[in-house]
Amino acid sequence: MGLHGDHDMGHTVAGWTGTGVGVLGSVVTGAGLVAGSTAGVWLGGAVIALAAFATWTLHLAGWGKASGPRPPGQQHWRARDVAARDGHPDCVGCRMAGRTGPRTSETAQVAVPARL
């Protein structure tokens, strides 16, 4: 149990990767803006777009999570969602990829890594 009890904060590999790359893109954009570099601003924007694409790709590969809370035993940030290949219910990213998934709120099956 973490600092927030068993509340599902949504920490996932997809979320952390997207956040890290997005912050890097924001820093590059800001540095380009301060330096007066149009190329730097465009490069930063491209990195931010890469962050969105990487997050979406990782989500579709099962490293994200469905909307809503997960059971406490499946909340580890490295838990892989094996139900992602069929699509999550009401997930815009899954629908964009052509994965319709079930339309009811079901608990997703998750593969939890063994503790070291």
C-alpha atoms as a PDB file:
ATOM      1  CA  MET A   1       0.000   0.000   0.000  1.00  0.00           C
ATOM      2  CA  GLY A   2       1.441   3.347  -1.024  1.00  0.00           C
ATOM      3  CA  LEU A   3       1.204   6.864   0.252  1.00  0.00           C
ATOM      4  CA  HIS A   4      -2.360   7.225  -1.038  1.00  0.00           C
ATOM      5  CA  GLY A   5      -3.708   3.963   0.357  1.00  0.00           C
ATOM      6  CA  ASP A   6      -5.308   1.789  -2.276  1.00  0.00           C
ATOM      7  CA  HIS A   7      -6.511   4.713  -4.416  1.00  0.00           C
ATOM      8  CA  ASP A   8      -5.650   4.080  -8.090  1.00  0.00           C
ATOM      9  CA  MET A   9      -3.550   7.047  -9.204  1.00  0.00           C
ATOM     10  CA  GLY A  10      -3.268   5.684 -12.751  1.00  0.00           C
ATOM     11  CA  HIS A  11       0.514   5.351 -12.754  1.00  0.00           C
ATOM     12  CA  THR A  12       1.428   3.293 -15.831  1.00  0.00           C
ATOM     13  CA  VAL A  13       4.420   2.832 -18.113  1.00  0.00           C
ATOM     14  CA  ALA A  14       2.484   4.643 -20.860  1.00  0.00           C
ATOM     15  CA  GLY A  15       1.618   7.532 -18.540  1.00  0.00           C
ATOM     16  CA  TRP A  16       5.123   8.005 -17.169  1.00  0.00           C
ATOM     17  CA  THR A  17       6.744   7.747 -20.605  1.00  0.00           C
ATOM     18  CA  GLY A  18       4.330  10.253 -22.119  1.00  0.00           C
ATOM     19  CA  THR A  19       4.798  12.639 -19.225  1.00  0.00           C
ATOM     20  CA  GLY A  20       8.600  12.452 -19.373  1.00  0.00           C
ATOM     21  CA  VAL A  21       8.799  12.971 -23.128  1.00  0.00           C
ATOM     22  CA  GLY A  22       6.141  15.712 -22.952  1.00  0.00           C
ATOM     23  CA  VAL A  23       8.098  17.598 -20.275  1.00  0.00           C
ATOM     24  CA  LEU A  24      11.233  17.307 -22.405  1.00  0.00           C
ATOM     25  CA  GLY A  25       9.314  18.708 -25.384  1.00  0.00           C
ATOM     26  CA  SER A  26       8.042  21.599 -23.274  1.00  0.00           C
ATOM     27  CA  VAL A  27      11.574  22.389 -22.120  1.00  0.00           C
ATOM     28  CA  VAL A  28      12.864  22.339 -25.713  1.00  0.00           C
ATOM     29  CA  THR A  29       9.966  24.546 -26.839  1.00  0.00           C
ATOM     30  CA  GLY A  30      10.595  27.000 -23.998  1.00  0.00           C
ATOM     31  CA  ALA A  31      14.334  27.106 -24.667  1.00  0.00           C
ATOM     32  CA  GLY A  32      13.668  27.701 -28.361  1.00  0.00           C
ATOM     33  CA  LEU A  33      11.259  30.483 -27.501  1.00  0.00           C
ATOM     34  CA  VAL A  34      13.698  32.170 -25.121  1.00  0.00           C
ATOM     35  CA  ALA A  35      16.548  31.815 -27.638  1.00  0.00           C
ATOM     36  CA  GLY A  36      14.379  33.197 -30.423  1.00  0.00           C
ATOM     37  CA  SER A  37      14.843  30.004 -32.429  1.00  0.00           C
ATOM     38  CA  THR A  38      11.943  29.074 -34.666  1.00  0.00           C
ATOM     39  CA  ALA A  39      13.569  25.693 -35.299  1.00  0.00           C
ATOM     40  CA  GLY A  40      13.786  25.073 -31.534  1.00  0.00           C
ATOM     41  CA  VAL A  41      10.099  25.832 -31.080  1.00  0.00           C
ATOM     42  CA  TRP A  42       9.187  23.482 -33.938  1.00  0.00           C
ATOM     43  CA  LEU A  43      11.496  20.793 -32.590  1.00  0.00           C
ATOM     44  CA  GLY A  44       9.879  21.065 -29.155  1.00  0.00           C
ATOM     45  CA  GLY A  45       6.436  20.811 -30.739  1.00  0.00           C
ATOM     46  CA  ALA A  46       7.546  17.690 -32.598  1.00  0.00           C
ATOM     47  CA  VAL A  47       8.779  16.140 -29.333  1.00  0.00           C
ATOM     48  CA  ILE A  48       5.419  16.906 -27.703  1.00  0.00           C
ATOM     49  CA  ALA A  49       3.644  15.207 -30.624  1.00  0.00           C
ATOM     50  CA  LEU A  50       6.017  12.254 -30.184  1.00  0.00           C
ATOM     51  CA  ALA A  51       4.983  12.084 -26.514  1.00  0.00           C
ATOM     52  CA  ALA A  52       1.328  11.761 -27.485  1.00  0.00           C
ATOM     53  CA  PHE A  53       2.108   9.084 -30.087  1.00  0.00           C
ATOM     54  CA  ALA A  54       4.356   7.116 -27.690  1.00  0.00           C
ATOM     55  CA  THR A  55       1.704   7.199 -24.953  1.00  0.00           C
ATOM     56  CA  TRP A  56      -0.985   6.009 -27.351  1.00  0.00           C
ATOM     57  CA  THR A  57       1.231   3.235 -28.734  1.00  0.00           C
ATOM     58  CA  LEU A  58       2.172   2.010 -25.255  1.00  0.00           C
ATOM     59  CA  HIS A  59      -1.477   2.129 -24.181  1.00  0.00           C
ATOM     60  CA  LEU A  60      -2.452  -0.050 -27.136  1.00  0.00           C
ATOM     61  CA  ALA A  61       0.399  -2.446 -26.293  1.00  0.00           C
ATOM     62  CA  GLY A  62      -1.089  -2.947 -22.823  1.00  0.00           C
ATOM     63  CA  TRP A  63       1.155  -0.641 -20.806  1.00  0.00           C
ATOM     64  CA  GLY A  64      -1.662   1.813 -20.048  1.00  0.00           C
ATOM     65  CA  LYS A  65      -4.946   1.233 -18.255  1.00  0.00           C
ATOM     66  CA  ALA A  66      -8.643   1.414 -18.877  1.00  0.00           C
ATOM     67  CA  SER A  67     -10.624   4.357 -17.529  1.00  0.00           C
ATOM     68  CA  GLY A  68     -11.634   4.108 -13.903  1.00  0.00           C
ATOM     69  CA  PRO A  69      -9.986   2.522 -10.882  1.00  0.00           C
ATOM     70  CA  ARG A  70      -8.288  -0.872 -10.988  1.00  0.00           C
ATOM     71  CA  PRO A  71      -8.477  -3.452  -8.207  1.00  0.00           C
ATOM     72  CA  PRO A  72      -5.736  -2.867  -5.586  1.00  0.00           C
ATOM     73  CA  GLY A  73      -3.777  -5.936  -6.661  1.00  0.00           C
ATOM     74  CA  GLN A  74      -3.494  -4.584 -10.223  1.00  0.00           C
ATOM     75  CA  GLN A  75      -2.401  -1.022  -9.446  1.00  0.00           C
ATOM     76  CA  HIS A  76       1.355  -1.519  -9.749  1.00  0.00           C
ATOM     77  CA  TRP A  77       2.708   0.891 -12.376  1.00  0.00           C
ATOM     78  CA  ARG A  78       4.343  -1.963 -14.314  1.00  0.00           C
ATOM     79  CA  ALA A  79       1.147  -4.043 -14.458  1.00  0.00           C
ATOM     80  CA  ARG A  80       0.404  -4.967 -18.058  1.00  0.00           C
ATOM     81  CA  ASP A  81      -3.220  -4.848 -19.175  1.00  0.00           C
ATOM     82  CA  VAL A  82      -3.673  -7.980 -21.282  1.00  0.00           C
ATOM     83  CA  ALA A  83      -7.245  -6.957 -22.180  1.00  0.00           C
ATOM     84  CA  ALA A  84      -5.947  -3.960 -24.165  1.00  0.00           C
ATOM     85  CA  ARG A  85      -5.617  -6.005 -27.359  1.00  0.00           C
ATOM     86  CA  ASP A  86      -9.428  -6.124 -27.568  1.00  0.00           C
ATOM     87  CA  GLY A  87      -9.891  -2.461 -26.623  1.00  0.00           C
ATOM     88  CA  HIS A  88     -11.138  -0.770 -23.476  1.00  0.00           C
ATOM     89  CA  PRO A  89     -14.792   0.199 -23.116  1.00  0.00           C
ATOM     90  CA  ASP A  90     -15.424   3.876 -23.908  1.00  0.00           C
ATOM     91  CA  CYS A  91     -11.705   4.519 -24.655  1.00  0.00           C
ATOM     92  CA  VAL A  92     -11.116   7.131 -27.355  1.00  0.00           C
ATOM     93  CA  GLY A  93      -7.571   5.878 -28.024  1.00  0.00           C
ATOM     94  CA  CYS A  94      -8.763   2.311 -28.512  1.00  0.00           C
ATOM     95  CA  ARG A  95     -11.561   3.465 -30.822  1.00  0.00           C
ATOM     96  CA  MET A  96      -9.039   5.486 -32.868  1.00  0.00           C
ATOM     97  CA  ALA A  97      -7.075   2.249 -33.345  1.00  0.00           C
ATOM     98  CA  GLY A  98     -10.198   0.362 -34.425  1.00  0.00           C
ATOM     99  CA  ARG A  99     -10.514  -1.594 -31.189  1.00  0.00           C
ATOM    100  CA  THR A 100     -14.089  -1.329 -30.058  1.00  0.00           C
ATOM    101  CA  GLY A 101     -13.933  -3.625 -27.048  1.00  0.00           C
ATOM    102  CA  PRO A 102     -16.863  -4.439 -24.816  1.00  0.00           C
ATOM    103  CA  ARG A 103     -19.266  -1.577 -24.158  1.00  0.00           C
ATOM    104  CA  THR A 104     -19.867  -2.499 -20.538  1.00  0.00           C
ATOM    105  CA  SER A 105     -17.713  -1.590 -17.592  1.00  0.00           C
ATOM    106  CA  GLU A 106     -15.780  -4.755 -16.834  1.00  0.00           C
ATOM    107  CA  THR A 107     -12.677  -5.265 -14.798  1.00  0.00           C
ATOM    108  CA  ALA A 108      -9.719  -5.606 -17.160  1.00  0.00           C
ATOM    109  CA  GLN A 109      -7.416  -8.584 -16.873  1.00  0.00           C
ATOM    110  CA  VAL A 110      -3.968  -7.444 -15.828  1.00  0.00           C
ATOM    111  CA  ALA A 111      -0.674  -9.303 -15.673  1.00  0.00           C
ATOM    112  CA  VAL A 112       1.082  -8.162 -12.484  1.00  0.00           C
ATOM    113  CA  PRO A 113       4.880  -8.498 -12.445  1.00  0.00           C
ATOM    114  CA  ALA A 114       6.521 -10.552  -9.719  1.00  0.00           C
ATOM    115  CA  ARG A 115       8.106  -8.596  -6.902  1.00  0.00           C
ATOM    116  CA  LEU A 116      11.891  -8.589  -6.908  1.00  0.00           C
END
